[in-house]
Every structure is written in structure tokens, then in C-alpha cells.
């Protein structure tokens, strides 16, 4: 987006209005009317430590694992960022990686990222992967799918790729989430930090550019095409796959089936990490509204809230570097409806209790002692944690 166009967009967005409400009938919607006018940042270090959890290390020897997905038989697929897909069979990590994985750009924050199974995997055997592709000078996020025969993926088909190619190896986003209507949400990062530019402006400004996939959540059909009923379809210049905008770098994406809500956790810059309740057409403000500061010190903006933007439900400053997010389904009754958010920098999992309107009423931290890359609820209702290290672990959290 050119600077003049960004200035005009800023004036329009900050002059009033509200988040788009023209979502398809079967899409989740956030209770934005009940959201507070502004949210004060909390200091993560002042959050009390949780009790009543038992931690068990299930798997060791994973190289920078990033995402995980359970197969119907209970085996577990795990991605490793250098470009390998691993499988845990009967609780044991198979030493042989899965064949047929695409070539990835394994540099910086890039590599093989999330993994997800088609909702009808038992019938079609389709596995979906996100990853960074290209070179350090020209790269983007891609989504591919293939059938899994237990040992290999084939034939691999790239079904979506971010139209914008960027330089640098930051902010690929890349979490996946299936909605009850069978459509797929794909989170895409804003592309990187200053001084990185695209189209004559800081690349992070792409998060407000509706002709760009950067800094957005996309809603796709299972074949990668734009899903019908997306909120910006018909808007001149807008990509038809856009679902929400104004995101910096989402690393946690989860659905609450009881409340019909989509939650995300996303990185700020220096502070200003966010927990957001997202709905179709919502603008979450980045970089026009934020608690973040530049890494070199000054504020990015003095605005923390604006009428056209949706406020976060939690802000962490200093940063926890959120990555991985789970909603407890109730298989463990005492966790029902709670959120569990991983932290890379904080090395813990945040337990967040909510009121019926989705406001955070309490927070505790579950120490892990390593960078937490992903948090998922397993079929048994327990929490499964991936740690981001050269010797990464899969850890199970249970009531203790």
C-alpha cells in the first residue's frame, strides 16, 4: 500500500464505524458489543503459578517441532521446522520421517509449520501442511495437501499460496483451523519488522491492505479456493479469501465449540502480545492500534483503541511470545471452556478463565521451563505441549 493510500485508510478507520458484521450465518461471531472500550496490559511476571497439574514427557528428540495432529487410531503427526514430518506410533517416535513432504525454506522463522487433517480424514486420508517457500529474498507462505498412506504423502498439491512475495524470513503466521461448516481458516503473518518494506511502505502496513493476504486470517474451502460468504467478497480490490485483518503474527488459533467462537493469540513487537476473539470482517488494528513498541524503543502509535477496531481480550507486556492455543472441551470437567496459551519467551502455558461474554477473569501460569511452541487438547481431554528446541519434547499436562 502506498503511503498516501495508507493515510487515507487510517483516516477512514479511525474516524468511526464498527467492525464488519455481515458474516455468513454459519460463521462464528464475536460478542464485540460487550468488549471493554480498552484493555490494560498485564505484566506476565506478576501472574500467579498454577497448581494441580502433572507433567509427563512423552517424546524427546524432536528438532524444533511446530505443529501436531492426531490420527484416528491415536498415532500423532508432528512437524519439525527444518522440513520433516514425524509420526509417533503407539507412543514411540518413529525414527523414519514421513516421505513426500514439500521442500521448505528453513531459515529464520520459516520452515515446515502447521499440520492438520481434513475433517473426513478417515474417508479421504487428506493431510494439510503449511510452510515457508522460496528464497530468503523472495518467499511466502504456502498451503499444500496430500493423501497419507501411513508412510508417505502423495500426490502433493499446493492449493494456496500468499500472492505477495517478500524478503526476509519473519512472520509467516501459518496456523490452521477447521470450522464446523467444513471451511478452513489459515492465519498469515504481516511479513516482518522494520525496516523491511513492500510496495514502498513498511511491510507491516500490509495488514490493513485488503488486496494483500499479509496480516490476515483467510477462510478457504478444502481445495484452497475462497469460501463463499467471506465478508469482503464484492469489495473492490479485496481478496475474496479474506476473513479478518489487522493481525501481526498469529501463532495460536482455536475454536470453542460450545460458544461458537474463534480465539487467536498473536505476537506483538516489544510487548503488546494479544489474545483476540475474532469474527468475520473484524479489523484488529495492527499497526494502527497497538500496545506494542518498536524494538528500538519508541511507541509504534499512541492509540490503544479505536471505534473501527476490535480490542484484544488480553494484552501481555512484556511479551510472552504466544504460540499455540487450546480451548478445553470439558473432557476434563474442571478445565471446561478455559483457554490455554503457550509462551515462547515465558516458557510456560497460560491458563485463562473466561466469563460468558469472553472476558478474561483470571490467569495462571503453568511453568514448562522451555520455549512452548504449540498447545493442543488431545482426544483424551488432556493438554499436549510441544517445546521449541533442537531437542524438543512432547509433554502431556493432566490434573494432578
Protein backbone atom coordinates (compact mmCIF):
# COMPACT_ATOMS: atom_id res chain seq x y z
CA UNK A 1 0.00 0.00 0.00
CA UNK A 2 1.37 3.44 -0.94
CA UNK A 3 1.86 5.97 1.91
CA UNK A 4 -0.91 8.27 0.62
CA UNK A 5 -3.34 5.38 0.42
CA UNK A 6 -2.41 4.27 3.92
CA UNK A 7 -3.00 7.78 5.25
CA UNK A 8 -6.47 7.84 3.69
CA UNK A 9 -7.25 4.38 5.09
CA UNK A 10 -6.06 5.46 8.54
CA UNK A 11 -8.35 8.49 8.48
CA UNK A 12 -11.32 6.37 7.46
CA UNK A 13 -10.70 3.65 10.03
CA UNK A 14 -10.05 5.97 12.95
CA UNK A 15 -12.91 8.29 12.10
CA UNK A 16 -15.60 5.96 13.40
CA UNK A 17 -17.67 2.97 12.45
CA UNK A 18 -17.59 -0.59 13.72
CA UNK A 19 -16.27 -4.00 12.79
CA UNK A 20 -17.99 -5.66 9.84
CA UNK A 21 -20.99 -7.74 10.92
CA UNK A 22 -22.02 -9.14 7.54
CA UNK A 23 -20.74 -12.63 8.28
CA UNK A 24 -22.29 -15.76 6.78
CA UNK A 25 -24.98 -17.25 9.00
CA UNK A 26 -22.89 -20.30 9.92
CA UNK A 27 -19.69 -18.39 10.69
CA UNK A 28 -18.58 -17.71 14.28
CA UNK A 29 -19.21 -14.18 15.51
CA UNK A 30 -17.57 -12.37 18.40
CA UNK A 31 -19.56 -10.58 21.07
CA UNK A 32 -17.88 -7.29 20.21
CA UNK A 33 -20.60 -5.15 21.79
CA UNK A 34 -19.69 -6.47 25.22
CA UNK A 35 -15.95 -5.96 24.77
CA UNK A 36 -14.35 -3.33 27.03
CA UNK A 37 -13.53 0.03 25.49
CA UNK A 38 -9.83 -0.58 26.02
CA UNK A 39 -7.70 -3.24 27.64
CA UNK A 40 -4.84 -2.56 30.03
CA UNK A 41 -1.70 -4.61 29.51
CA UNK A 42 -0.81 -7.10 32.22
CA UNK A 43 2.70 -7.96 33.36
CA UNK A 44 3.15 -11.71 32.71
CA UNK A 45 5.70 -12.00 35.51
CA UNK A 46 3.08 -10.97 38.08
CA UNK A 47 0.69 -13.80 37.18
CA UNK A 48 0.48 -16.49 39.89
CA UNK A 49 1.73 -20.00 39.26
CA UNK A 50 -0.92 -22.67 38.73
CA UNK A 51 -1.20 -25.75 40.93
CA UNK A 52 -2.86 -29.08 40.34
CA UNK A 53 -1.08 -30.10 37.14
CA UNK A 54 1.00 -33.20 36.48
CA UNK A 55 3.57 -33.05 33.69
CA UNK A 56 4.80 -36.10 31.76
CA UNK A 57 7.41 -36.04 28.99
CA UNK A 58 6.16 -38.43 26.30
CA UNK A 59 8.64 -37.88 23.44
CA UNK A 60 12.14 -36.43 23.22
CA UNK A 61 14.46 -35.77 20.30
CA UNK A 62 12.22 -33.58 18.13
CA UNK A 63 14.08 -30.87 16.21
CA UNK A 64 12.19 -27.58 16.63
CA UNK A 65 8.70 -29.12 16.43
CA UNK A 66 5.95 -26.71 15.35
CA UNK A 67 2.54 -28.38 14.99
CA UNK A 68 0.75 -31.65 15.73
CA UNK A 69 -2.35 -33.57 14.67
CA UNK A 70 -3.87 -36.85 15.90
CA UNK A 71 -4.74 -39.65 13.51
CA UNK A 72 -7.96 -41.61 14.13
CA UNK A 73 -6.01 -44.57 15.55
CA UNK A 74 -4.35 -42.37 18.18
CA UNK A 75 -1.00 -42.01 16.42
CA UNK A 76 0.32 -38.48 16.19
CA UNK A 77 1.81 -36.41 13.34
CA UNK A 78 4.34 -33.73 14.34
CA UNK A 79 6.05 -31.21 12.06
CA UNK A 80 9.68 -30.22 12.54
CA UNK A 81 10.58 -26.78 11.26
CA UNK A 82 13.71 -27.91 9.33
CA UNK A 83 11.34 -29.75 6.96
CA UNK A 84 10.42 -33.15 8.39
CA UNK A 85 7.04 -34.68 9.26
CA UNK A 86 7.35 -37.24 12.08
CA UNK A 87 4.91 -39.80 13.44
CA UNK A 88 4.50 -41.11 16.97
CA UNK A 89 3.20 -44.68 16.75
CA UNK A 90 1.92 -46.29 19.93
CA UNK A 91 3.64 -43.63 21.99
CA UNK A 92 7.05 -44.11 20.31
CA UNK A 93 8.64 -41.69 17.86
CA UNK A 94 9.29 -43.47 14.56
CA UNK A 95 12.92 -42.76 13.57
CA UNK A 96 11.94 -42.60 9.87
CA UNK A 97 10.38 -39.30 8.75
CA UNK A 98 7.25 -39.37 6.58
CA UNK A 99 8.11 -39.23 2.87
CA UNK A 100 6.68 -36.78 0.35
CA UNK A 101 6.97 -33.58 2.41
CA UNK A 102 7.40 -30.43 0.26
CA UNK A 103 10.67 -28.55 0.01
CA UNK A 104 10.62 -25.70 2.52
CA UNK A 105 12.54 -22.51 3.25
CA UNK A 106 14.07 -23.50 6.59
CA UNK A 107 15.55 -20.14 7.62
CA UNK A 108 14.76 -17.69 10.39
CA UNK A 109 11.15 -18.29 11.42
CA UNK A 110 10.44 -20.22 8.22
CA UNK A 111 10.25 -23.93 7.56
CA UNK A 112 7.63 -26.66 7.83
CA UNK A 113 4.97 -25.21 10.09
CA UNK A 114 1.43 -26.40 10.85
CA UNK A 115 -0.29 -29.71 10.11
CA UNK A 116 -4.00 -30.54 10.11
CA UNK A 117 -6.23 -33.41 8.99
CA UNK A 118 -9.27 -32.98 6.78
CA UNK A 119 -12.44 -33.36 8.91
CA UNK A 120 -13.27 -36.51 6.89
CA UNK A 121 -9.72 -37.88 7.04
CA UNK A 122 -10.97 -41.40 7.74
CA UNK A 123 -12.59 -41.34 4.27
CA UNK A 124 -10.14 -39.31 2.16
CA UNK A 125 -6.80 -39.57 4.07
CA UNK A 126 -6.01 -35.90 3.34
CA UNK A 127 -3.30 -34.14 5.37
CA UNK A 128 -2.76 -30.36 5.12
CA UNK A 129 0.61 -28.67 5.67
CA UNK A 130 1.68 -25.04 5.82
CA UNK A 131 5.25 -23.95 5.21
CA UNK A 132 7.55 -21.16 4.08
CA UNK A 133 8.56 -21.49 0.42
CA UNK A 134 11.02 -19.66 -1.81
CA UNK A 135 14.33 -17.97 -1.03
CA UNK A 136 15.36 -15.50 1.68
CA UNK A 137 14.99 -12.77 -0.95
CA UNK A 138 11.55 -13.83 -2.27
CA UNK A 139 9.29 -16.05 -0.15
CA UNK A 140 5.75 -16.59 1.03
CA UNK A 141 3.52 -18.99 2.96
CA UNK A 142 2.06 -21.96 1.09
CA UNK A 143 -0.69 -24.47 1.93
CA UNK A 144 -0.48 -27.98 0.45
CA UNK A 145 -2.41 -31.20 0.86
CA UNK A 146 -1.75 -34.86 0.08
CA UNK A 147 -3.07 -38.31 0.92
CA UNK A 148 -1.31 -40.20 3.69
CA UNK A 149 -0.82 -43.97 3.44
CA UNK A 150 0.89 -44.35 6.80
CA UNK A 151 4.41 -43.88 5.44
CA UNK A 152 4.26 -41.20 2.75
CA UNK A 153 2.29 -38.26 1.38
CA UNK A 154 1.23 -38.33 -2.28
CA UNK A 155 0.44 -36.70 -4.58
CA UNK A 156 1.37 -33.35 -3.04
CA UNK A 157 -0.80 -30.48 -4.28
CA UNK A 158 -0.18 -26.79 -3.47
CA UNK A 159 -3.71 -25.42 -3.02
CA UNK A 160 -2.98 -21.88 -1.77
CA UNK A 161 -0.04 -19.53 -1.78
CA UNK A 162 0.14 -15.99 -0.47
CA UNK A 163 0.14 -13.72 -3.55
CA UNK A 164 2.72 -11.34 -2.12
CA UNK A 165 6.36 -12.42 -2.16
CA UNK A 166 8.56 -10.78 0.43
CA UNK A 167 12.17 -10.71 1.51
CA UNK A 168 13.35 -11.72 4.96
CA UNK A 169 12.41 -14.78 6.99
CA UNK A 170 9.92 -13.44 9.55
CA UNK A 171 6.18 -13.57 10.28
CA UNK A 172 4.78 -16.42 8.20
CA UNK A 173 1.86 -16.98 10.57
CA UNK A 174 0.54 -20.34 9.39
CA UNK A 175 -1.88 -21.82 11.94
CA UNK A 176 -4.78 -23.88 10.56
CA UNK A 177 -8.31 -24.36 11.95
CA UNK A 178 -11.34 -26.17 10.53
CA UNK A 179 -14.74 -24.59 11.17
CA UNK A 180 -17.94 -26.60 11.68
CA UNK A 181 -19.12 -25.70 8.15
CA UNK A 182 -16.13 -27.53 6.66
CA UNK A 183 -14.18 -24.41 5.72
CA UNK A 184 -10.58 -23.85 6.73
CA UNK A 185 -9.08 -20.82 8.46
CA UNK A 186 -5.44 -20.01 7.64
CA UNK A 187 -3.55 -17.35 9.60
CA UNK A 188 -0.92 -15.33 7.70
CA UNK A 189 1.64 -13.03 9.35
CA UNK A 190 2.27 -9.43 8.31
CA UNK A 191 5.61 -10.25 6.67
CA UNK A 192 8.19 -8.83 9.06
CA UNK A 193 9.60 -5.94 11.06
CA UNK A 194 11.03 -2.55 10.08
CA UNK A 195 12.98 -1.65 8.05
CA UNK A 196 11.51 -4.35 5.75
CA UNK A 197 9.33 -2.76 3.08
CA UNK A 198 6.87 -3.84 0.41
CA UNK A 199 5.25 -1.59 -2.22
CA UNK A 200 7.11 1.47 -0.95
CA UNK A 201 5.99 1.26 2.69
CA UNK A 202 6.79 -0.77 5.80
CA UNK A 203 5.64 -4.32 5.13
CA UNK A 204 3.61 -4.42 8.36
CA UNK A 205 1.20 -1.90 6.77
CA UNK A 206 0.04 -4.76 4.52
CA UNK A 207 -2.07 -5.91 7.48
CA UNK A 208 -4.52 -3.09 6.58
CA UNK A 209 -4.35 -3.66 2.82
CA UNK A 210 -7.33 -5.71 1.64
CA UNK A 211 -5.60 -6.59 -1.64
CA UNK A 212 -2.91 -8.40 0.36
CA UNK A 213 -3.06 -11.66 2.32
CA UNK A 214 -0.39 -10.49 4.77
CA UNK A 215 -1.57 -9.85 8.33
CA UNK A 216 -4.89 -11.64 7.80
CA UNK A 217 -6.95 -14.71 8.57
CA UNK A 218 -8.16 -16.35 5.36
CA UNK A 219 -11.22 -18.60 5.02
CA UNK A 220 -10.86 -21.26 2.36
CA UNK A 221 -12.66 -24.27 1.01
CA UNK A 222 -10.99 -27.64 1.40
CA UNK A 223 -9.49 -27.27 -2.10
CA UNK A 224 -7.88 -23.92 -1.24
CA UNK A 225 -10.40 -21.74 -3.09
CA UNK A 226 -12.08 -18.75 -1.36
CA UNK A 227 -15.06 -19.87 0.73
CA UNK A 228 -18.48 -18.47 -0.14
CA UNK A 229 -19.83 -15.73 2.11
CA UNK A 230 -16.49 -14.23 3.13
CA UNK A 231 -17.08 -10.69 4.42
CA UNK A 232 -15.09 -8.71 1.83
CA UNK A 233 -16.25 -10.51 -1.29
CA UNK A 234 -17.53 -7.91 -3.71
CA UNK A 235 -15.40 -5.11 -2.24
CA UNK A 236 -13.29 -3.54 -4.98
CA UNK A 237 -9.69 -4.72 -4.75
CA UNK A 238 -10.22 -7.01 -1.75
CA UNK A 239 -9.04 -10.61 -1.89
CA UNK A 240 -12.11 -12.87 -1.76
CA UNK A 241 -10.45 -15.20 0.75
CA UNK A 242 -10.08 -12.53 3.49
CA UNK A 243 -11.92 -13.26 6.75
CA UNK A 244 -10.32 -10.84 9.25
CA UNK A 245 -7.50 -8.29 9.12
CA UNK A 246 -5.17 -6.16 11.19
CA UNK A 247 -3.11 -9.04 12.63
CA UNK A 248 0.64 -9.01 13.23
CA UNK A 249 1.63 -12.66 13.53
CA UNK A 250 -0.91 -15.20 14.78
CA UNK A 251 0.67 -18.28 16.32
CA UNK A 252 -2.33 -19.71 18.18
CA UNK A 253 -5.74 -20.44 16.60
CA UNK A 254 -8.52 -22.37 18.35
CA UNK A 255 -12.29 -22.90 18.17
CA UNK A 256 -14.67 -23.03 21.14
CA UNK A 257 -17.49 -25.36 20.05
CA UNK A 258 -19.77 -24.52 22.96
CA UNK A 259 -19.68 -20.76 22.44
CA UNK A 260 -19.11 -20.89 18.66
CA UNK A 261 -16.07 -18.61 18.96
CA UNK A 262 -12.69 -18.36 17.27
CA UNK A 263 -9.78 -17.35 19.50
CA UNK A 264 -6.29 -16.32 18.42
CA UNK A 265 -3.07 -15.45 20.20
CA UNK A 266 -0.63 -13.26 18.35
CA UNK A 267 2.74 -11.68 18.80
CA UNK A 268 3.19 -8.00 19.45
CA UNK A 269 6.55 -6.41 18.82
CA UNK A 270 8.22 -5.20 22.00
CA UNK A 271 5.36 -6.06 24.34
CA UNK A 272 1.75 -5.85 23.27
CA UNK A 273 1.13 -9.57 22.73
CA UNK A 274 -2.59 -10.16 22.28
CA UNK A 275 -5.37 -12.66 22.91
CA UNK A 276 -8.16 -11.87 20.44
CA UNK A 277 -11.72 -13.04 19.93
CA UNK A 278 -12.10 -12.95 16.15
CA UNK A 279 -15.14 -12.82 13.89
CA UNK A 280 -15.80 -12.48 10.17
CA UNK A 281 -14.90 -9.00 8.92
CA UNK A 282 -13.22 -7.86 12.16
CA UNK A 283 -10.29 -5.44 11.99
CA UNK A 284 -7.89 -5.94 14.90
CA UNK A 285 -5.99 -2.76 14.25
CA UNK A 286 -2.36 -3.66 13.60
CA UNK A 287 -0.32 -1.50 13.10
CA UNK A 288 -2.68 1.49 13.53
CA UNK A 289 -3.76 0.48 17.05
CA UNK A 290 -1.43 -1.45 19.35
CA UNK A 291 0.20 -1.65 22.78
CA UNK A 292 3.50 -2.65 21.10
CA UNK A 293 6.62 -0.56 20.92
CA UNK A 294 9.32 -0.62 18.29
CA UNK A 295 12.16 -2.98 19.12
CA UNK A 296 14.43 0.08 19.16
CA UNK A 297 12.27 1.81 21.81
CA UNK A 298 9.56 4.32 20.80
CA UNK A 299 5.83 3.71 20.55
CA UNK A 300 4.52 2.44 17.24
CA UNK A 301 1.40 4.53 17.86
CA UNK A 302 -0.18 6.22 20.87
CA UNK A 303 -3.57 4.66 20.03
CA UNK A 304 -4.66 1.64 22.08
CA UNK A 305 -8.26 1.51 20.83
CA UNK A 306 -10.35 2.98 18.02
CA UNK A 307 -14.04 2.80 17.05
CA UNK A 308 -13.39 0.86 13.84
CA UNK A 309 -11.17 -1.71 15.56
CA UNK A 310 -11.84 -4.73 17.76
CA UNK A 311 -9.94 -4.61 21.05
CA UNK A 312 -7.98 -7.60 22.35
CA UNK A 313 -9.29 -9.53 25.35
CA UNK A 314 -5.82 -9.78 26.89
CA UNK A 315 -2.57 -7.87 26.35
CA UNK A 316 0.78 -9.03 27.73
CA UNK A 317 3.65 -6.57 28.26
CA UNK A 318 6.49 -7.55 28.46
CA UNK A 319 5.95 -10.18 25.78
CA UNK A 320 5.29 -13.85 26.42
CA UNK A 321 5.65 -14.51 22.64
CA UNK A 322 2.41 -16.52 22.36
CA UNK A 323 2.46 -19.69 20.31
CA UNK A 324 -0.14 -22.43 20.43
CA UNK A 325 -3.66 -22.12 21.82
CA UNK A 326 -6.25 -24.63 23.00
CA UNK A 327 -9.84 -24.46 24.25
CA UNK A 328 -10.74 -27.11 26.83
CA UNK A 329 -13.80 -29.03 25.62
CA UNK A 330 -14.85 -30.33 29.02
CA UNK A 331 -13.47 -33.87 28.82
CA UNK A 332 -11.58 -32.71 31.89
CA UNK A 333 -14.52 -31.09 33.72
CA UNK A 334 -12.54 -28.59 35.80
CA UNK A 335 -10.99 -27.09 32.65
CA UNK A 336 -14.21 -26.75 30.64
CA UNK A 337 -14.27 -23.65 28.42
CA UNK A 338 -10.88 -22.40 29.59
CA UNK A 339 -8.12 -21.25 27.24
CA UNK A 340 -4.53 -22.48 27.40
CA UNK A 341 -1.98 -20.29 25.61
CA UNK A 342 1.66 -21.22 25.16
CA UNK A 343 4.54 -18.77 25.53
CA UNK A 344 7.90 -18.99 23.78
CA UNK A 345 9.71 -16.33 25.79
CA UNK A 346 7.85 -17.01 29.03
CA UNK A 347 8.45 -20.77 28.78
CA UNK A 348 5.04 -21.62 30.15
CA UNK A 349 1.36 -22.23 29.40
CA UNK A 350 -1.16 -19.58 30.41
CA UNK A 351 -4.46 -20.84 31.88
CA UNK A 352 -7.17 -18.27 31.19
CA UNK A 353 -10.64 -18.35 32.73
CA UNK A 354 -13.45 -16.51 30.95
CA UNK A 355 -16.87 -15.10 31.74
CA UNK A 356 -19.85 -15.82 29.44
CA UNK A 357 -19.00 -12.75 27.35
CA UNK A 358 -15.49 -13.99 26.70
CA UNK A 359 -13.71 -11.60 29.03
CA UNK A 360 -10.67 -12.90 30.92
CA UNK A 361 -11.46 -13.14 34.63
CA UNK A 362 -8.34 -14.96 35.87
CA UNK A 363 -4.95 -16.07 34.63
CA UNK A 364 -2.40 -18.57 35.94
CA UNK A 365 0.89 -19.78 34.52
CA UNK A 366 1.94 -23.41 34.23
CA UNK A 367 5.77 -23.46 34.11
CA UNK A 368 7.28 -25.67 31.40
CA UNK A 369 10.88 -24.42 31.57
CA UNK A 370 11.34 -24.42 27.80
CA UNK A 371 10.03 -22.41 24.87
CA UNK A 372 6.46 -23.56 24.23
CA UNK A 373 5.67 -23.80 20.51
CA UNK A 374 2.26 -25.46 20.49
CA UNK A 375 -0.55 -26.38 22.90
CA UNK A 376 -3.41 -28.69 21.85
CA UNK A 377 -6.16 -30.60 23.58
CA UNK A 378 -5.82 -34.32 22.88
CA UNK A 379 -8.62 -36.81 22.25
CA UNK A 380 -8.44 -37.72 25.95
CA UNK A 381 -9.03 -34.11 27.03
CA UNK A 382 -5.51 -33.65 28.39
CA UNK A 383 -3.18 -30.92 27.14
CA UNK A 384 -0.24 -31.68 24.86
CA UNK A 385 2.67 -29.26 24.63
CA UNK A 386 5.49 -29.05 22.07
CA UNK A 387 8.70 -27.34 23.14
CA UNK A 388 10.78 -25.42 20.61
CA UNK A 389 14.34 -26.67 20.89
CA UNK A 390 16.95 -28.64 19.00
CA UNK A 391 15.97 -31.46 21.36
CA UNK A 392 12.29 -30.61 21.59
CA UNK A 393 9.78 -32.53 23.67
CA UNK A 394 6.15 -33.58 23.61
CA UNK A 395 4.71 -33.09 27.10
CA UNK A 396 1.31 -34.10 28.48
CA UNK A 397 -0.39 -32.00 31.15
CA UNK A 398 -3.02 -33.70 33.35
CA UNK A 399 -4.85 -32.77 36.53
CA UNK A 400 -2.51 -33.66 39.36
